[in-house]
Amino acid sequence: MKKMSIYEPALCCETGLCGVNVDPELLRITTVLNNLKNKGIIIERYNLNSTPNVTFEPGCRKLDYVA
């Protein structure tokens, strides 16, 4: 089974709907990840604000930001 882990910066929520301004990129990513889940791919989504310990585990490497 395929698995994808996403490590996000500190956010109040992963959907982008809870802040003052809606973040269209977070909405797009959420839609894509939900489609992947529906195809049987395991998605683990970590937010620095809610799961900081996961971000600092030895197995987590820093990735360059790609725009």
PDB file of N, CA and C in Angstrom:
ATOM      1  N   MET A   1       0.840  -1.183   0.000  1.00  0.00           N
ATOM      2  CA  MET A   1       0.000   0.000   0.000  1.00  0.00           C
ATOM      3  C   MET A   1       0.885   1.246   0.000  1.00  0.00           C
ATOM      4  N   LYS A   2       0.527   2.214  -0.796  1.00  0.00           N
ATOM      5  CA  LYS A   2       1.298   3.454  -0.889  1.00  0.00           C
ATOM      6  C   LYS A   2       0.902   4.401   0.234  1.00  0.00           C
ATOM      7  N   LYS A   3       1.890   5.169   0.687  1.00  0.00           N
ATOM      8  CA  LYS A   3       1.661   6.093   1.793  1.00  0.00           C
ATOM      9  C   LYS A   3       2.366   7.412   1.488  1.00  0.00           C
ATOM     10  N   MET A   4       1.703   8.517   1.847  1.00  0.00           N
ATOM     11  CA  MET A   4       2.277   9.845   1.654  1.00  0.00           C
ATOM     12  C   MET A   4       2.169  10.608   2.964  1.00  0.00           C
ATOM     13  N   SER A   5       3.268  11.240   3.368  1.00  0.00           N
ATOM     14  CA  SER A   5       3.274  12.074   4.566  1.00  0.00           C
ATOM     15  C   SER A   5       3.495  13.519   4.148  1.00  0.00           C
ATOM     16  N   ILE A   6       2.654  14.400   4.668  1.00  0.00           N
ATOM     17  CA  ILE A   6       2.726  15.827   4.364  1.00  0.00           C
ATOM     18  C   ILE A   6       3.063  16.559   5.666  1.00  0.00           C
ATOM     19  N   TYR A   7       4.100  17.376   5.646  1.00  0.00           N
ATOM     20  CA  TYR A   7       4.504  18.164   6.811  1.00  0.00           C
ATOM     21  C   TYR A   7       4.266  19.632   6.475  1.00  0.00           C
ATOM     22  N   GLU A   8       3.298  20.222   7.161  1.00  0.00           N
ATOM     23  CA  GLU A   8       2.897  21.594   6.850  1.00  0.00           C
ATOM     24  C   GLU A   8       3.398  22.561   7.912  1.00  0.00           C
ATOM     25  N   PRO A   9       3.492  23.847   7.567  1.00  0.00           N
ATOM     26  CA  PRO A   9       3.855  24.844   8.574  1.00  0.00           C
ATOM     27  C   PRO A   9       2.728  24.991   9.594  1.00  0.00           C
ATOM     28  N   ALA A  10       2.977  25.779  10.619  1.00  0.00           N
ATOM     29  CA  ALA A  10       1.974  25.989  11.662  1.00  0.00           C
ATOM     30  C   ALA A  10       0.741  26.667  11.075  1.00  0.00           C
ATOM     31  N   LEU A  11      -0.375  25.964  11.117  1.00  0.00           N
ATOM     32  CA  LEU A  11      -1.657  26.465  10.625  1.00  0.00           C
ATOM     33  C   LEU A  11      -2.708  26.221  11.694  1.00  0.00           C
ATOM     34  N   CYS A  12      -3.770  27.017  11.687  1.00  0.00           N
ATOM     35  CA  CYS A  12      -4.841  26.749  12.649  1.00  0.00           C
ATOM     36  C   CYS A  12      -5.676  25.552  12.205  1.00  0.00           C
ATOM     37  N   CYS A  13      -5.705  25.264  10.905  1.00  0.00           N
ATOM     38  CA  CYS A  13      -6.382  24.069  10.403  1.00  0.00           C
ATOM     39  C   CYS A  13      -5.795  23.708   9.045  1.00  0.00           C
ATOM     40  N   GLU A  14      -5.972  22.469   8.624  1.00  0.00           N
ATOM     41  CA  GLU A  14      -5.369  22.023   7.361  1.00  0.00           C
ATOM     42  C   GLU A  14      -6.172  22.399   6.128  1.00  0.00           C
ATOM     43  N   THR A  15      -7.409  22.840   6.316  1.00  0.00           N
ATOM     44  CA  THR A  15      -8.247  23.139   5.155  1.00  0.00           C
ATOM     45  C   THR A  15      -8.068  24.553   4.629  1.00  0.00           C
ATOM     46  N   GLY A  16      -7.588  25.463   5.465  1.00  0.00           N
ATOM     47  CA  GLY A  16      -7.436  26.846   5.049  1.00  0.00           C
ATOM     48  C   GLY A  16      -8.713  27.655   5.183  1.00  0.00           C
ATOM     49  N   LEU A  17      -9.738  27.063   5.785  1.00  0.00           N
ATOM     50  CA  LEU A  17     -11.026  27.752   5.914  1.00  0.00           C
ATOM     51  C   LEU A  17     -11.198  28.492   7.237  1.00  0.00           C
ATOM     52  N   CYS A  18     -10.339  28.258   8.199  1.00  0.00           N
ATOM     53  CA  CYS A  18     -10.587  28.792   9.535  1.00  0.00           C
ATOM     54  C   CYS A  18      -9.981  30.173   9.767  1.00  0.00           C
ATOM     55  N   GLY A  19      -9.124  30.636   8.898  1.00  0.00           N
ATOM     56  CA  GLY A  19      -8.498  31.938   9.085  1.00  0.00           C
ATOM     57  C   GLY A  19      -9.343  33.072   8.542  1.00  0.00           C
ATOM     58  N   VAL A  20      -8.779  34.253   8.574  1.00  0.00           N
ATOM     59  CA  VAL A  20      -9.459  35.440   8.066  1.00  0.00           C
ATOM     60  C   VAL A  20      -9.631  35.342   6.554  1.00  0.00           C
ATOM     61  N   ASN A  21      -8.591  34.904   5.862  1.00  0.00           N
ATOM     62  CA  ASN A  21      -8.636  34.754   4.408  1.00  0.00           C
ATOM     63  C   ASN A  21      -8.560  33.276   4.045  1.00  0.00           C
ATOM     64  N   VAL A  22      -9.397  32.843   3.137  1.00  0.00           N
ATOM     65  CA  VAL A  22      -9.368  31.458   2.668  1.00  0.00           C
ATOM     66  C   VAL A  22      -8.152  31.282   1.765  1.00  0.00           C
ATOM     67  N   ASP A  23      -7.361  30.237   2.038  1.00  0.00           N
ATOM     68  CA  ASP A  23      -6.177  29.952   1.232  1.00  0.00           C
ATOM     69  C   ASP A  23      -6.559  28.956   0.138  1.00  0.00           C
ATOM     70  N   PRO A  24      -6.648  29.389  -1.120  1.00  0.00           N
ATOM     71  CA  PRO A  24      -7.075  28.491  -2.194  1.00  0.00           C
ATOM     72  C   PRO A  24      -6.120  27.320  -2.412  1.00  0.00           C
ATOM     73  N   GLU A  25      -4.841  27.500  -2.121  1.00  0.00           N
ATOM     74  CA  GLU A  25      -3.882  26.399  -2.287  1.00  0.00           C
ATOM     75  C   GLU A  25      -4.144  25.291  -1.273  1.00  0.00           C
ATOM     76  N   LEU A  26      -4.483  25.655  -0.039  1.00  0.00           N
ATOM     77  CA  LEU A  26      -4.806  24.632   0.964  1.00  0.00           C
ATOM     78  C   LEU A  26      -6.078  23.889   0.587  1.00  0.00           C
ATOM     79  N   LEU A  27      -7.039  24.593   0.027  1.00  0.00           N
ATOM     80  CA  LEU A  27      -8.262  23.929  -0.441  1.00  0.00           C
ATOM     81  C   LEU A  27      -7.948  22.957  -1.566  1.00  0.00           C
ATOM     82  N   ARG A  28      -7.080  23.371  -2.482  1.00  0.00           N
ATOM     83  CA  ARG A  28      -6.694  22.510  -3.602  1.00  0.00           C
ATOM     84  C   ARG A  28      -5.962  21.265  -3.104  1.00  0.00           C
ATOM     85  N   ILE A  29      -5.029  21.461  -2.183  1.00  0.00           N
ATOM     86  CA  ILE A  29      -4.276  20.330  -1.640  1.00  0.00           C
ATOM     87  C   ILE A  29      -5.200  19.369  -0.910  1.00  0.00           C
ATOM     88  N   THR A  30      -6.144  19.896  -0.137  1.00  0.00           N
ATOM     89  CA  THR A  30      -7.097  19.041   0.579  1.00  0.00           C
ATOM     90  C   THR A  30      -7.913  18.213  -0.398  1.00  0.00           C
ATOM     91  N   THR A  31      -8.348  18.815  -1.490  1.00  0.00           N
ATOM     92  CA  THR A  31      -9.121  18.087  -2.505  1.00  0.00           C
ATOM     93  C   THR A  31      -8.286  16.982  -3.143  1.00  0.00           C
ATOM     94  N   VAL A  32      -7.051  17.305  -3.493  1.00  0.00           N
ATOM     95  CA  VAL A  32      -6.161  16.307  -4.105  1.00  0.00           C
ATOM     96  C   VAL A  32      -5.909  15.154  -3.137  1.00  0.00           C
ATOM     97  N   LEU A  33      -5.635  15.473  -1.877  1.00  0.00           N
ATOM     98  CA  LEU A  33      -5.369  14.422  -0.891  1.00  0.00           C
ATOM     99  C   LEU A  33      -6.598  13.551  -0.651  1.00  0.00           C
ATOM    100  N   ASN A  34      -7.778  14.149  -0.638  1.00  0.00           N
ATOM    101  CA  ASN A  34      -9.004  13.354  -0.483  1.00  0.00           C
ATOM    102  C   ASN A  34      -9.198  12.409  -1.667  1.00  0.00           C
ATOM    103  N   ASN A  35      -8.883  12.867  -2.866  1.00  0.00           N
ATOM    104  CA  ASN A  35      -8.973  11.997  -4.048  1.00  0.00           C
ATOM    105  C   ASN A  35      -7.986  10.843  -3.951  1.00  0.00           C
ATOM    106  N   LEU A  36      -6.781  11.112  -3.469  1.00  0.00           N
ATOM    107  CA  LEU A  36      -5.789  10.046  -3.296  1.00  0.00           C
ATOM    108  C   LEU A  36      -6.245   9.034  -2.242  1.00  0.00           C
ATOM    109  N   LYS A  37      -6.831   9.538  -1.147  1.00  0.00           N
ATOM    110  CA  LYS A  37      -7.367   8.638  -0.109  1.00  0.00           C
ATOM    111  C   LYS A  37      -8.434   7.727  -0.695  1.00  0.00           C
ATOM    112  N   ASN A  38      -9.288   8.283  -1.525  1.00  0.00           N
ATOM    113  CA  ASN A  38     -10.349   7.489  -2.151  1.00  0.00           C
ATOM    114  C   ASN A  38      -9.791   6.416  -3.078  1.00  0.00           C
ATOM    115  N   LYS A  39      -8.555   6.586  -3.527  1.00  0.00           N
ATOM    116  CA  LYS A  39      -7.908   5.586  -4.386  1.00  0.00           C
ATOM    117  C   LYS A  39      -7.071   4.596  -3.576  1.00  0.00           C
ATOM    118  N   GLY A  40      -7.180   4.677  -2.244  1.00  0.00           N
ATOM    119  CA  GLY A  40      -6.515   3.711  -1.381  1.00  0.00           C
ATOM    120  C   GLY A  40      -5.141   4.100  -0.878  1.00  0.00           C
ATOM    121  N   ILE A  41      -4.705   5.314  -1.152  1.00  0.00           N
ATOM    122  CA  ILE A  41      -3.398   5.760  -0.676  1.00  0.00           C
ATOM    123  C   ILE A  41      -3.555   6.302   0.739  1.00  0.00           C
ATOM    124  N   ILE A  42      -2.665   5.879   1.620  1.00  0.00           N
ATOM    125  CA  ILE A  42      -2.694   6.349   3.004  1.00  0.00           C
ATOM    126  C   ILE A  42      -2.040   7.729   3.046  1.00  0.00           C
ATOM    127  N   ILE A  43      -2.762   8.699   3.578  1.00  0.00           N
ATOM    128  CA  ILE A  43      -2.261  10.068   3.680  1.00  0.00           C
ATOM    129  C   ILE A  43      -2.106  10.416   5.154  1.00  0.00           C
ATOM    130  N   GLU A  44      -0.902  10.827   5.528  1.00  0.00           N
ATOM    131  CA  GLU A  44      -0.651  11.337   6.875  1.00  0.00           C
ATOM    132  C   GLU A  44      -0.315  12.812   6.718  1.00  0.00           C
ATOM    133  N   ARG A  45      -1.098  13.645   7.369  1.00  0.00           N
ATOM    134  CA  ARG A  45      -0.922  15.088   7.227  1.00  0.00           C
ATOM    135  C   ARG A  45      -0.574  15.660   8.597  1.00  0.00           C
ATOM    136  N   TYR A  46       0.620  16.241   8.713  1.00  0.00           N
ATOM    137  CA  TYR A  46       1.098  16.763   9.988  1.00  0.00           C
ATOM    138  C   TYR A  46       1.207  18.276   9.921  1.00  0.00           C
ATOM    139  N   ASN A  47       0.699  18.928  10.943  1.00  0.00           N
ATOM    140  CA  ASN A  47       0.710  20.376  11.054  1.00  0.00           C
ATOM    141  C   ASN A  47       1.649  20.739  12.199  1.00  0.00           C
ATOM    142  N   LEU A  48       2.606  21.612  11.953  1.00  0.00           N
ATOM    143  CA  LEU A  48       3.573  21.995  12.976  1.00  0.00           C
ATOM    144  C   LEU A  48       2.885  22.520  14.233  1.00  0.00           C
ATOM    145  N   ASN A  49       1.733  23.139  14.088  1.00  0.00           N
ATOM    146  CA  ASN A  49       1.003  23.693  15.221  1.00  0.00           C
ATOM    147  C   ASN A  49       0.375  22.604  16.090  1.00  0.00           C
ATOM    148  N   SER A  50      -0.170  21.562  15.480  1.00  0.00           N
ATOM    149  CA  SER A  50      -0.884  20.537  16.250  1.00  0.00           C
ATOM    150  C   SER A  50      -0.057  19.282  16.521  1.00  0.00           C
ATOM    151  N   THR A  51       0.983  19.023  15.722  1.00  0.00           N
ATOM    152  CA  THR A  51       1.830  17.837  15.924  1.00  0.00           C
ATOM    153  C   THR A  51       3.308  18.207  15.781  1.00  0.00           C
ATOM    154  N   PRO A  52       3.812  19.097  16.647  1.00  0.00           N
ATOM    155  CA  PRO A  52       5.201  19.551  16.496  1.00  0.00           C
ATOM    156  C   PRO A  52       6.220  18.438  16.711  1.00  0.00           C
ATOM    157  N   ASN A  53       5.887  17.467  17.559  1.00  0.00           N
ATOM    158  CA  ASN A  53       6.839  16.394  17.850  1.00  0.00           C
ATOM    159  C   ASN A  53       7.173  15.565  16.613  1.00  0.00           C
ATOM    160  N   VAL A  54       6.221  15.384  15.716  1.00  0.00           N
ATOM    161  CA  VAL A  54       6.447  14.579  14.511  1.00  0.00           C
ATOM    162  C   VAL A  54       7.462  15.259  13.599  1.00  0.00           C
ATOM    163  N   THR A  55       7.409  16.565  13.534  1.00  0.00           N
ATOM    164  CA  THR A  55       8.288  17.322  12.644  1.00  0.00           C
ATOM    165  C   THR A  55       9.752  17.196  13.052  1.00  0.00           C
ATOM    166  N   PHE A  56       9.994  16.961  14.329  1.00  0.00           N
ATOM    167  CA  PHE A  56      11.373  16.903  14.819  1.00  0.00           C
ATOM    168  C   PHE A  56      11.875  15.483  15.045  1.00  0.00           C
ATOM    169  N   GLU A  57      11.146  14.494  14.561  1.00  0.00           N
ATOM    170  CA  GLU A  57      11.611  13.116  14.651  1.00  0.00           C
ATOM    171  C   GLU A  57      12.819  12.937  13.736  1.00  0.00           C
ATOM    172  N   PRO A  58      13.735  12.035  14.101  1.00  0.00           N
ATOM    173  CA  PRO A  58      14.947  11.843  13.289  1.00  0.00           C
ATOM    174  C   PRO A  58      14.666  11.471  11.832  1.00  0.00           C
ATOM    175  N   GLY A  59      13.589  10.775  11.551  1.00  0.00           N
ATOM    176  CA  GLY A  59      13.287  10.353  10.187  1.00  0.00           C
ATOM    177  C   GLY A  59      12.740  11.449   9.296  1.00  0.00           C
ATOM    178  N   CYS A  60      12.383  12.579   9.873  1.00  0.00           N
ATOM    179  CA  CYS A  60      11.810  13.685   9.101  1.00  0.00           C
ATOM    180  C   CYS A  60      12.944  14.589   8.631  1.00  0.00           C
ATOM    181  N   ARG A  61      13.076  14.711   7.325  1.00  0.00           N
ATOM    182  CA  ARG A  61      14.120  15.554   6.749  1.00  0.00           C
ATOM    183  C   ARG A  61      13.512  16.852   6.247  1.00  0.00           C
ATOM    184  N   LYS A  62      14.319  17.893   6.242  1.00  0.00           N
ATOM    185  CA  LYS A  62      13.861  19.171   5.707  1.00  0.00           C
ATOM    186  C   LYS A  62      13.823  19.072   4.184  1.00  0.00           C
ATOM    187  N   LEU A  63      12.719  19.466   3.616  1.00  0.00           N
ATOM    188  CA  LEU A  63      12.574  19.497   2.167  1.00  0.00           C
ATOM    189  C   LEU A  63      12.549  20.937   1.690  1.00  0.00           C
ATOM    190  N   ASP A  64      13.078  21.177   0.530  1.00  0.00           N
ATOM    191  CA  ASP A  64      13.034  22.517  -0.044  1.00  0.00           C
ATOM    192  C   ASP A  64      11.615  22.828  -0.488  1.00  0.00           C
ATOM    193  N   TYR A  65      11.210  24.070  -0.311  1.00  0.00           N
ATOM    194  CA  TYR A  65       9.888  24.512  -0.739  1.00  0.00           C
ATOM    195  C   TYR A  65       9.864  24.599  -2.261  1.00  0.00           C
ATOM    196  N   VAL A  66       8.850  24.032  -2.839  1.00  0.00           N
ATOM    197  CA  VAL A  66       8.685  24.088  -4.292  1.00  0.00           C
ATOM    198  C   VAL A  66       7.407  24.837  -4.597  1.00  0.00           C
ATOM    199  N   ALA A  67       7.513  25.932  -5.326  1.00  0.00           N
ATOM    200  CA  ALA A  67       6.326  26.733  -5.644  1.00  0.00           C
ATOM    201  C   ALA A  67       5.809  26.388  -7.014  1.00  0.00           C
TER     202      ALA A  67
END
